Amino acid sequence: MDIKTLAEKYEPYIIERRRHYHACPELSGQEKGTRAQIKKDLEALGIADIHEMEGCYGLFADIQGGGSGRTVALRTDIDALEIAEKTGLPFASANGSMHACGHDNHIAMLLGAARILNEVKEELCGRVRLVVQPAEEIATGARAMVNEGAMDGVDAIYGAHIWGTLDAPLIDVTPGSRMACCDRFSIEVEGATSHGSAPHLGVDAVTVSAAIVNNLQQCVSRMNDPLNPLVLTVGTIHGGSRWNSVSGHVSMEGTVRTFEKDLTAAKVMRQVVERTAETFNAKAAFDYKRLTPPVINENERLVRVAHDAVVKLYGEEGIGHLPTMMASEDFSWFGEKAPYVFAFVGSRNKAKGLTYTNHNEHYDVDEDVLKRGAAVMAQFAVDFLREQ
């Protein structure tokens, strides 16, 4: 089977589907129309084994090959961002939301891969599962789909993200740490109110909170292995009721990004928060949650299959490298059920004026890369199933 030729044949379809979904984005948790249209698109391709999730607007569909074997999954995410689009594209969104992260491209690439694979399904040695995931931007969709059985029976899963700082048409399948975890914490500081002229009669929650914020950075600079990437950000602080009163309560929220699979950072942070508050006769409650684990390409075999798929289709010159980043992706939850590999598809093309990156209101992509993303996705599935 010639995957590259089929991808070129279906390029107009892939681009048309990208533009359709770009024009009608839906926010996280609201992707009802998007899911319905994707289901129609799959049915139009002759794919009938479709399962809709009950707890979220996700679905998965199976393409059964002519031969028996394992199951490989291919994933797309489908939600948009609350960003008013300013690209000026003829198919730009006009509903106040935007596929500024590029998920419209992910949908199109998956549909392209689905069309290719469904055409050659009799040659497949197993089953391909198409995973259509909502709510990636709020880091709840992947876990919800896992909980509803979308990954049951899956032996491996491939995911990819289009990226605005990677040059088109390169595809990155670098091994090792790719995207950090996304952890969220909250701190409630309890002091005692008093008049601003008599701070000694109260316990100032604002100054205690300031000390906590400063001391937490010691977790990064002095309590963390400097070879371990770690970002700790306090993003919000709310406290006080009057300008001339000592505040008795402050609430803070923030995020931690690292590649540690355990919650070592949380243990150290709790110690710093509670002891700092205690030093100033205040109390502090600390809560910590992991929203997404880190994305780490640690399965050597899957990285090799993905790398070889790119080279088989587009040569070594088709391989790119995107540096490790501290941004996050909830794709990693699928890794709780099966080994995975995560790739990046370059969308930056300076010659075409495409230099904005993801989450920008001007973000647009070089559509020439979409057939490549679809082809590599399909080739990975074929090669994984063949290698058994």
Protein backbone atom coordinates (compact mmCIF):
# COMPACT_ATOMS: atom_id res chain seq x y z
CA MET A 1 0.00 0.00 0.00
CA ASP A 2 1.29 3.47 -0.88
CA ILE A 3 0.25 5.69 2.03
CA LYS A 4 2.01 8.74 0.64
CA THR A 5 0.15 8.56 -2.66
CA LEU A 6 -3.18 8.13 -0.90
CA ALA A 7 -2.44 11.13 1.36
CA GLU A 8 -1.73 13.28 -1.69
CA LYS A 9 -4.90 12.00 -3.34
CA TYR A 10 -6.99 13.01 -0.33
CA GLU A 11 -5.23 16.31 0.40
CA PRO A 12 -8.16 18.42 -0.90
CA TYR A 13 -10.49 16.49 1.41
CA ILE A 14 -8.18 16.98 4.41
CA ILE A 15 -7.86 20.73 3.78
CA GLU A 16 -11.60 21.14 3.22
CA ARG A 17 -12.37 19.37 6.49
CA ARG A 18 -9.85 21.54 8.33
CA ARG A 19 -11.49 24.69 7.05
CA HIS A 20 -14.98 23.43 7.91
CA TYR A 21 -14.08 22.73 11.53
CA HIS A 22 -12.04 25.92 11.81
CA ALA A 23 -15.12 27.97 10.94
CA CYS A 24 -17.33 26.46 13.66
CA PRO A 25 -15.27 25.98 16.84
CA GLU A 26 -16.82 24.87 20.12
CA LEU A 27 -15.39 25.39 23.59
CA SER A 28 -14.32 22.65 25.99
CA GLY A 29 -17.31 20.69 27.25
CA GLN A 30 -19.54 22.15 24.54
CA GLU A 31 -18.39 20.10 21.53
CA LYS A 32 -21.78 18.52 20.80
CA GLY A 33 -22.00 19.81 17.23
CA THR A 34 -18.37 18.98 16.50
CA ARG A 35 -18.81 15.39 17.64
CA ALA A 36 -22.00 15.02 15.63
CA GLN A 37 -20.29 16.25 12.47
CA ILE A 38 -17.24 14.02 12.98
CA LYS A 39 -19.58 11.05 13.37
CA LYS A 40 -21.25 11.98 10.07
CA ASP A 41 -17.84 12.31 8.41
CA LEU A 42 -16.80 8.86 9.63
CA GLU A 43 -20.06 7.32 8.50
CA ALA A 44 -19.60 8.94 5.10
CA LEU A 45 -16.27 7.15 4.84
CA GLY A 46 -18.00 3.84 5.50
CA ILE A 47 -16.88 3.53 9.12
CA ALA A 48 -19.86 2.23 11.08
CA ASP A 49 -18.42 0.86 14.33
CA ILE A 50 -18.76 4.13 16.27
CA HIS A 51 -19.20 4.53 20.02
CA GLU A 52 -20.22 7.84 21.62
CA MET A 53 -19.20 8.63 25.18
CA GLU A 54 -21.94 9.38 27.70
CA GLY A 55 -20.02 11.57 30.13
CA CYS A 56 -18.37 13.84 27.56
CA TYR A 57 -18.61 14.76 23.87
CA GLY A 58 -16.07 12.21 22.76
CA LEU A 59 -16.32 9.12 20.60
CA PHE A 60 -14.21 6.31 19.27
CA ALA A 61 -14.55 4.31 16.09
CA ASP A 62 -12.92 1.07 14.98
CA ILE A 63 -11.58 0.04 11.59
CA GLN A 64 -11.23 -3.74 11.55
CA GLY A 65 -8.48 -5.02 9.32
CA GLY A 66 -8.62 -8.08 7.12
CA GLY A 67 -6.18 -9.91 9.35
CA SER A 68 -6.26 -10.58 13.07
CA GLY A 69 -3.87 -8.84 15.42
CA ARG A 70 -3.50 -6.09 17.95
CA THR A 71 -5.27 -2.74 18.28
CA VAL A 72 -3.55 0.60 17.69
CA ALA A 73 -5.26 3.89 18.51
CA LEU A 74 -4.93 7.27 16.79
CA ARG A 75 -6.11 10.31 18.72
CA THR A 76 -7.39 13.78 17.93
CA ASP A 77 -8.66 16.50 20.25
CA ILE A 78 -11.52 18.74 19.13
CA ASP A 79 -12.14 21.69 21.48
CA ALA A 80 -11.42 25.36 20.84
CA LEU A 81 -10.41 28.39 22.90
CA GLU A 82 -12.32 31.46 24.03
CA ILE A 83 -10.31 33.73 21.74
CA ALA A 84 -11.75 36.14 19.16
CA GLU A 85 -10.11 35.28 15.86
CA LYS A 86 -8.15 37.94 13.97
CA THR A 87 -6.63 35.93 11.13
CA GLY A 88 -8.76 37.48 8.40
CA LEU A 89 -9.19 34.05 6.79
CA PRO A 90 -12.25 33.60 4.53
CA PHE A 91 -13.23 30.65 6.75
CA ALA A 92 -12.46 32.41 10.04
CA SER A 93 -14.66 31.79 13.06
CA ALA A 94 -17.21 34.49 13.84
CA ASN A 95 -18.66 33.08 17.07
CA GLY A 96 -16.09 34.52 19.50
CA SER A 97 -14.21 31.22 19.82
CA MET A 98 -11.24 30.02 17.82
CA HIS A 99 -9.25 26.90 17.07
CA ALA A 100 -6.20 28.87 18.13
CA CYS A 101 -4.45 25.76 19.40
CA GLY A 102 -4.84 23.98 16.07
CA HIS A 103 -7.29 21.23 16.97
CA ASP A 104 -9.15 21.79 13.70
CA ASN A 105 -6.01 20.54 11.98
CA HIS A 106 -5.87 17.52 14.28
CA ILE A 107 -9.43 16.60 13.31
CA ALA A 108 -8.62 16.93 9.61
CA MET A 109 -5.47 14.83 9.89
CA LEU A 110 -7.31 12.07 11.75
CA LEU A 111 -10.10 12.07 9.16
CA GLY A 112 -7.46 11.90 6.43
CA ALA A 113 -5.76 8.97 8.13
CA ALA A 114 -9.15 7.31 8.64
CA ARG A 115 -9.97 7.63 4.95
CA ILE A 116 -6.62 6.16 3.96
CA LEU A 117 -6.80 3.28 6.42
CA ASN A 118 -10.40 2.43 5.66
CA GLU A 119 -9.50 2.16 1.98
CA VAL A 120 -6.73 -0.36 2.69
CA LYS A 121 -8.34 -2.07 5.69
CA GLU A 122 -8.20 -5.54 4.13
CA GLU A 123 -4.41 -5.26 4.27
CA LEU A 124 -4.33 -4.32 7.96
CA CYS A 125 -3.15 -6.92 10.46
CA GLY A 126 -5.45 -5.94 13.31
CA ARG A 127 -7.67 -3.05 14.29
CA VAL A 128 -7.29 0.73 14.25
CA ARG A 129 -9.20 2.73 16.85
CA LEU A 130 -9.92 6.39 16.10
CA VAL A 131 -10.11 8.32 19.38
CA VAL A 132 -11.94 11.66 19.17
CA GLN A 133 -11.32 13.51 22.43
CA PRO A 134 -13.05 16.64 23.78
CA ALA A 135 -12.02 19.02 26.56
CA GLU A 136 -8.25 18.89 26.13
CA GLU A 137 -7.90 22.57 26.95
CA ILE A 138 -9.37 22.02 30.40
CA ALA A 139 -7.51 18.72 30.87
CA THR A 140 -10.56 16.55 31.53
CA GLY A 141 -11.40 14.89 28.21
CA ALA A 142 -8.75 12.18 27.98
CA ARG A 143 -9.35 10.90 31.49
CA ALA A 144 -13.10 10.90 30.96
CA MET A 145 -12.71 8.79 27.83
CA VAL A 146 -10.36 6.37 29.58
CA ASN A 147 -12.90 5.98 32.39
CA GLU A 148 -15.59 5.12 29.84
CA GLY A 149 -13.52 2.40 28.21
CA ALA A 150 -12.24 4.16 25.10
CA MET A 151 -8.81 2.59 25.63
CA ASP A 152 -9.97 -0.91 26.54
CA GLY A 153 -8.14 -3.45 24.42
CA VAL A 154 -5.75 -0.88 22.94
CA ASP A 155 -2.11 -1.99 22.66
CA ALA A 156 -0.58 1.39 21.71
CA ILE A 157 -1.71 4.93 20.91
CA TYR A 158 -0.29 7.66 18.70
CA GLY A 159 -0.98 11.36 19.17
CA ALA A 160 0.31 14.48 17.46
CA HIS A 161 0.08 18.24 17.92
CA ILE A 162 0.53 20.89 15.26
CA TRP A 163 2.97 23.52 16.53
CA GLY A 164 3.68 27.08 15.53
CA THR A 165 7.37 27.25 16.46
CA LEU A 166 8.35 24.15 14.47
CA ASP A 167 9.03 24.80 10.80
CA ALA A 168 6.74 23.22 8.22
CA PRO A 169 6.78 20.53 6.95
CA LEU A 170 8.93 18.90 9.65
CA ILE A 171 7.58 16.25 11.99
CA ASP A 172 9.13 15.71 15.41
CA VAL A 173 9.21 12.29 17.09
CA THR A 174 11.96 13.00 19.61
CA PRO A 175 12.36 10.45 22.43
CA GLY A 176 12.31 11.44 26.09
CA SER A 177 10.55 14.28 27.92
CA ARG A 178 8.29 16.27 25.61
CA MET A 179 5.69 18.16 27.66
CA ALA A 180 5.53 18.73 31.40
CA CYS A 181 2.81 17.75 33.81
CA CYS A 182 0.14 20.27 34.75
CA ASP A 183 -0.41 20.40 38.51
CA ARG A 184 -2.68 22.88 40.25
CA PHE A 185 -2.46 24.00 43.85
CA SER A 186 -4.41 26.28 46.16
CA ILE A 187 -3.43 27.86 49.48
CA GLU A 188 -5.78 29.31 52.08
CA VAL A 189 -4.03 31.52 54.65
CA GLU A 190 -5.91 32.25 57.89
CA GLY A 191 -4.77 35.16 60.01
CA ALA A 192 -6.73 37.59 62.21
CA THR A 193 -8.16 40.96 61.23
CA SER A 194 -7.37 44.18 63.02
CA HIS A 195 -7.28 47.88 62.25
CA GLY A 196 -4.47 48.88 59.92
CA SER A 197 -3.12 51.21 62.59
CA ALA A 198 -2.69 48.33 65.05
CA PRO A 199 -1.24 45.37 63.13
CA HIS A 200 0.11 43.86 66.36
CA LEU A 201 -3.47 43.07 67.38
CA GLY A 202 -4.03 40.88 64.33
CA VAL A 203 -2.20 38.40 62.13
CA ASP A 204 -1.65 39.86 58.67
CA ALA A 205 -2.59 37.19 56.11
CA VAL A 206 -1.30 39.39 53.28
CA THR A 207 2.27 39.63 54.58
CA VAL A 208 2.22 35.95 55.51
CA SER A 209 1.13 35.15 51.95
CA ALA A 210 3.92 37.30 50.56
CA ALA A 211 6.41 35.33 52.62
CA ILE A 212 4.91 32.06 51.40
CA VAL A 213 5.18 33.14 47.75
CA ASN A 214 8.83 34.09 48.18
CA ASN A 215 9.70 30.97 50.17
CA LEU A 216 8.02 28.68 47.63
CA GLN A 217 10.62 29.75 45.07
CA GLN A 218 13.21 28.14 47.34
CA CYS A 219 11.58 24.85 46.33
CA VAL A 220 12.83 25.53 42.82
CA SER A 221 16.19 27.19 43.43
CA ARG A 222 17.42 25.40 46.57
CA MET A 223 15.32 22.28 47.26
CA ASN A 224 15.07 20.86 43.73
CA ASP A 225 17.77 19.05 41.77
CA PRO A 226 18.94 21.72 39.28
CA LEU A 227 18.98 19.05 36.57
CA ASN A 228 15.25 18.50 37.05
CA PRO A 229 13.11 21.06 35.17
CA LEU A 230 10.64 22.66 37.58
CA VAL A 231 8.41 25.71 37.24
CA LEU A 232 6.32 26.95 40.17
CA THR A 233 3.94 29.85 39.56
CA VAL A 234 1.51 31.55 41.93
CA GLY A 235 -1.06 32.92 39.52
CA THR A 236 -3.72 34.49 41.73
CA ILE A 237 -3.83 36.16 45.16
CA HIS A 238 -7.06 37.42 46.69
CA GLY A 239 -7.40 38.84 50.17
CA GLY A 240 -8.49 41.72 52.34
CA SER A 241 -11.73 43.64 52.60
CA ARG A 242 -10.63 47.23 53.30
CA TRP A 243 -7.65 49.40 52.53
CA ASN A 244 -7.19 50.33 56.21
CA SER A 245 -7.59 46.88 57.75
CA VAL A 246 -5.21 44.00 58.34
CA SER A 247 -6.49 41.10 56.25
CA GLY A 248 -7.48 37.94 58.06
CA HIS A 249 -7.71 35.70 55.01
CA VAL A 250 -5.93 35.26 51.66
CA SER A 251 -6.55 32.73 48.90
CA MET A 252 -3.91 31.81 46.33
CA GLU A 253 -3.80 29.50 43.33
CA GLY A 254 -0.98 28.40 41.10
CA THR A 255 0.57 25.72 38.94
CA VAL A 256 3.59 23.42 38.97
CA ARG A 257 5.21 22.05 35.81
CA THR A 258 7.78 19.26 35.98
CA PHE A 259 8.56 15.86 34.50
CA GLU A 260 8.45 13.96 37.78
CA LYS A 261 5.83 11.23 37.72
CA ASP A 262 5.35 11.32 41.49
CA LEU A 263 4.26 14.28 43.61
CA THR A 264 7.60 15.05 45.25
CA ALA A 265 7.18 18.77 44.67
CA ALA A 266 3.87 18.77 46.51
CA LYS A 267 5.42 17.30 49.66
CA VAL A 268 8.14 19.95 49.77
CA MET A 269 5.69 22.76 49.03
CA ARG A 270 3.33 21.69 51.80
CA GLN A 271 6.18 21.82 54.29
CA VAL A 272 7.21 25.32 53.19
CA VAL A 273 3.64 26.66 53.18
CA GLU A 274 2.63 25.31 56.57
CA ARG A 275 5.87 26.18 58.37
CA THR A 276 6.03 29.68 56.92
CA ALA A 277 2.48 30.37 58.12
CA GLU A 278 3.26 28.90 61.53
CA THR A 279 6.28 31.20 61.89
CA PHE A 280 3.96 34.22 61.75
CA ASN A 281 1.24 32.70 63.96
CA ALA A 282 -1.05 32.05 60.99
CA LYS A 283 -2.48 28.84 59.58
CA ALA A 284 -2.36 27.65 55.99
CA ALA A 285 -4.31 24.93 54.20
CA PHE A 286 -2.59 23.48 51.11
CA ASP A 287 -4.33 21.51 48.37
CA TYR A 288 -2.56 19.94 45.37
CA LYS A 289 -3.96 18.14 42.31
CA ARG A 290 -2.41 16.60 39.23
CA LEU A 291 -4.42 17.61 36.17
CA THR A 292 -2.18 15.90 33.61
CA PRO A 293 0.90 13.70 33.90
CA PRO A 294 3.96 14.60 31.83
CA VAL A 295 4.19 13.49 28.20
CA ILE A 296 7.35 11.38 27.90
CA ASN A 297 8.24 9.37 24.79
CA GLU A 298 9.84 6.56 26.75
CA ASN A 299 8.74 3.55 24.69
CA GLU A 300 11.73 3.03 22.41
CA ARG A 301 9.88 0.73 20.05
CA LEU A 302 7.01 3.15 19.42
CA VAL A 303 9.41 6.06 18.93
CA ARG A 304 11.29 3.96 16.38
CA VAL A 305 8.11 2.99 14.52
CA ALA A 306 7.00 6.64 14.41
CA HIS A 307 10.43 7.87 13.33
CA ASP A 308 10.68 5.23 10.63
CA ALA A 309 7.19 6.10 9.39
CA VAL A 310 8.27 9.70 8.78
CA VAL A 311 11.50 8.61 7.06
CA LYS A 312 9.70 6.03 4.93
CA LEU A 313 7.34 8.70 3.65
CA TYR A 314 9.48 11.85 3.52
CA GLY A 315 13.09 10.88 4.14
CA GLU A 316 15.40 11.92 6.96
CA GLU A 317 14.93 15.53 5.85
CA GLY A 318 11.32 15.23 6.99
CA ILE A 319 12.39 14.81 10.63
CA GLY A 320 12.44 17.89 12.86
CA HIS A 321 13.20 18.56 16.50
CA LEU A 322 11.16 20.66 18.89
CA PRO A 323 12.85 21.35 22.24
CA THR A 324 11.27 19.99 25.39
CA MET A 325 8.63 22.37 26.74
CA MET A 326 6.94 23.05 30.06
CA ALA A 327 3.47 23.30 28.50
CA SER A 328 1.11 20.37 29.09
CA GLU A 329 -1.18 17.96 27.23
CA ASP A 330 -3.77 15.64 28.74
CA PHE A 331 -2.96 13.03 26.06
CA SER A 332 -0.71 11.57 28.75
CA TRP A 333 -3.74 10.09 30.56
CA PHE A 334 -4.11 7.61 27.68
CA GLY A 335 -0.69 6.37 28.74
CA GLU A 336 -2.24 5.00 31.91
CA LYS A 337 -3.81 2.28 29.74
CA ALA A 338 -1.30 1.68 26.93
CA PRO A 339 2.17 2.76 25.77
CA TYR A 340 2.21 5.83 23.55
CA VAL A 341 4.23 8.08 21.31
CA PHE A 342 3.53 11.77 20.84
CA ALA A 343 4.65 13.75 17.79
CA PHE A 344 4.65 17.38 16.68
CA VAL A 345 3.82 18.64 13.20
CA GLY A 346 5.44 21.92 12.19
CA SER A 347 3.15 24.71 10.97
CA ARG A 348 5.54 27.68 10.81
CA ASN A 349 6.36 29.04 7.36
CA LYS A 350 8.06 32.43 7.38
CA ALA A 351 7.91 32.72 3.58
CA LYS A 352 4.11 32.53 3.75
CA GLY A 353 3.90 34.90 6.72
CA LEU A 354 2.83 32.11 9.06
CA THR A 355 4.86 33.00 12.15
CA TYR A 356 2.27 33.26 14.93
CA THR A 357 2.16 30.40 17.37
CA ASN A 358 -0.54 28.47 19.18
CA HIS A 359 -3.08 30.33 21.36
CA ASN A 360 -2.61 33.55 19.41
CA GLU A 361 -5.63 35.22 17.79
CA HIS A 362 -3.65 35.39 14.50
CA TYR A 363 -2.52 31.74 14.51
CA ASP A 364 -2.76 30.01 11.15
CA VAL A 365 -0.96 27.02 9.68
CA ASP A 366 0.73 25.96 6.49
CA GLU A 367 -1.94 23.62 5.17
CA ASP A 368 0.64 21.79 3.06
CA VAL A 369 1.66 19.90 6.21
CA LEU A 370 -1.77 18.38 6.84
CA LYS A 371 -1.41 15.56 4.32
CA ARG A 372 1.92 14.71 5.94
CA GLY A 373 0.39 14.58 9.40
CA ALA A 374 -2.36 12.28 8.11
CA ALA A 375 0.09 10.10 6.19
CA VAL A 376 2.44 9.60 9.15
CA MET A 377 -0.51 8.78 11.39
CA ALA A 378 -1.73 6.15 8.94
CA GLN A 379 1.77 4.78 8.28
CA PHE A 380 2.42 4.44 12.00
CA ALA A 381 -0.78 2.41 12.41
CA VAL A 382 0.06 0.13 9.46
CA ASP A 383 3.64 -0.45 10.60
CA PHE A 384 2.74 -1.06 14.24
CA LEU A 385 0.15 -3.66 13.30
CA ARG A 386 2.52 -5.30 10.83
CA GLU A 387 5.27 -5.61 13.47
CA GLN A 388 3.76 -8.43 15.53
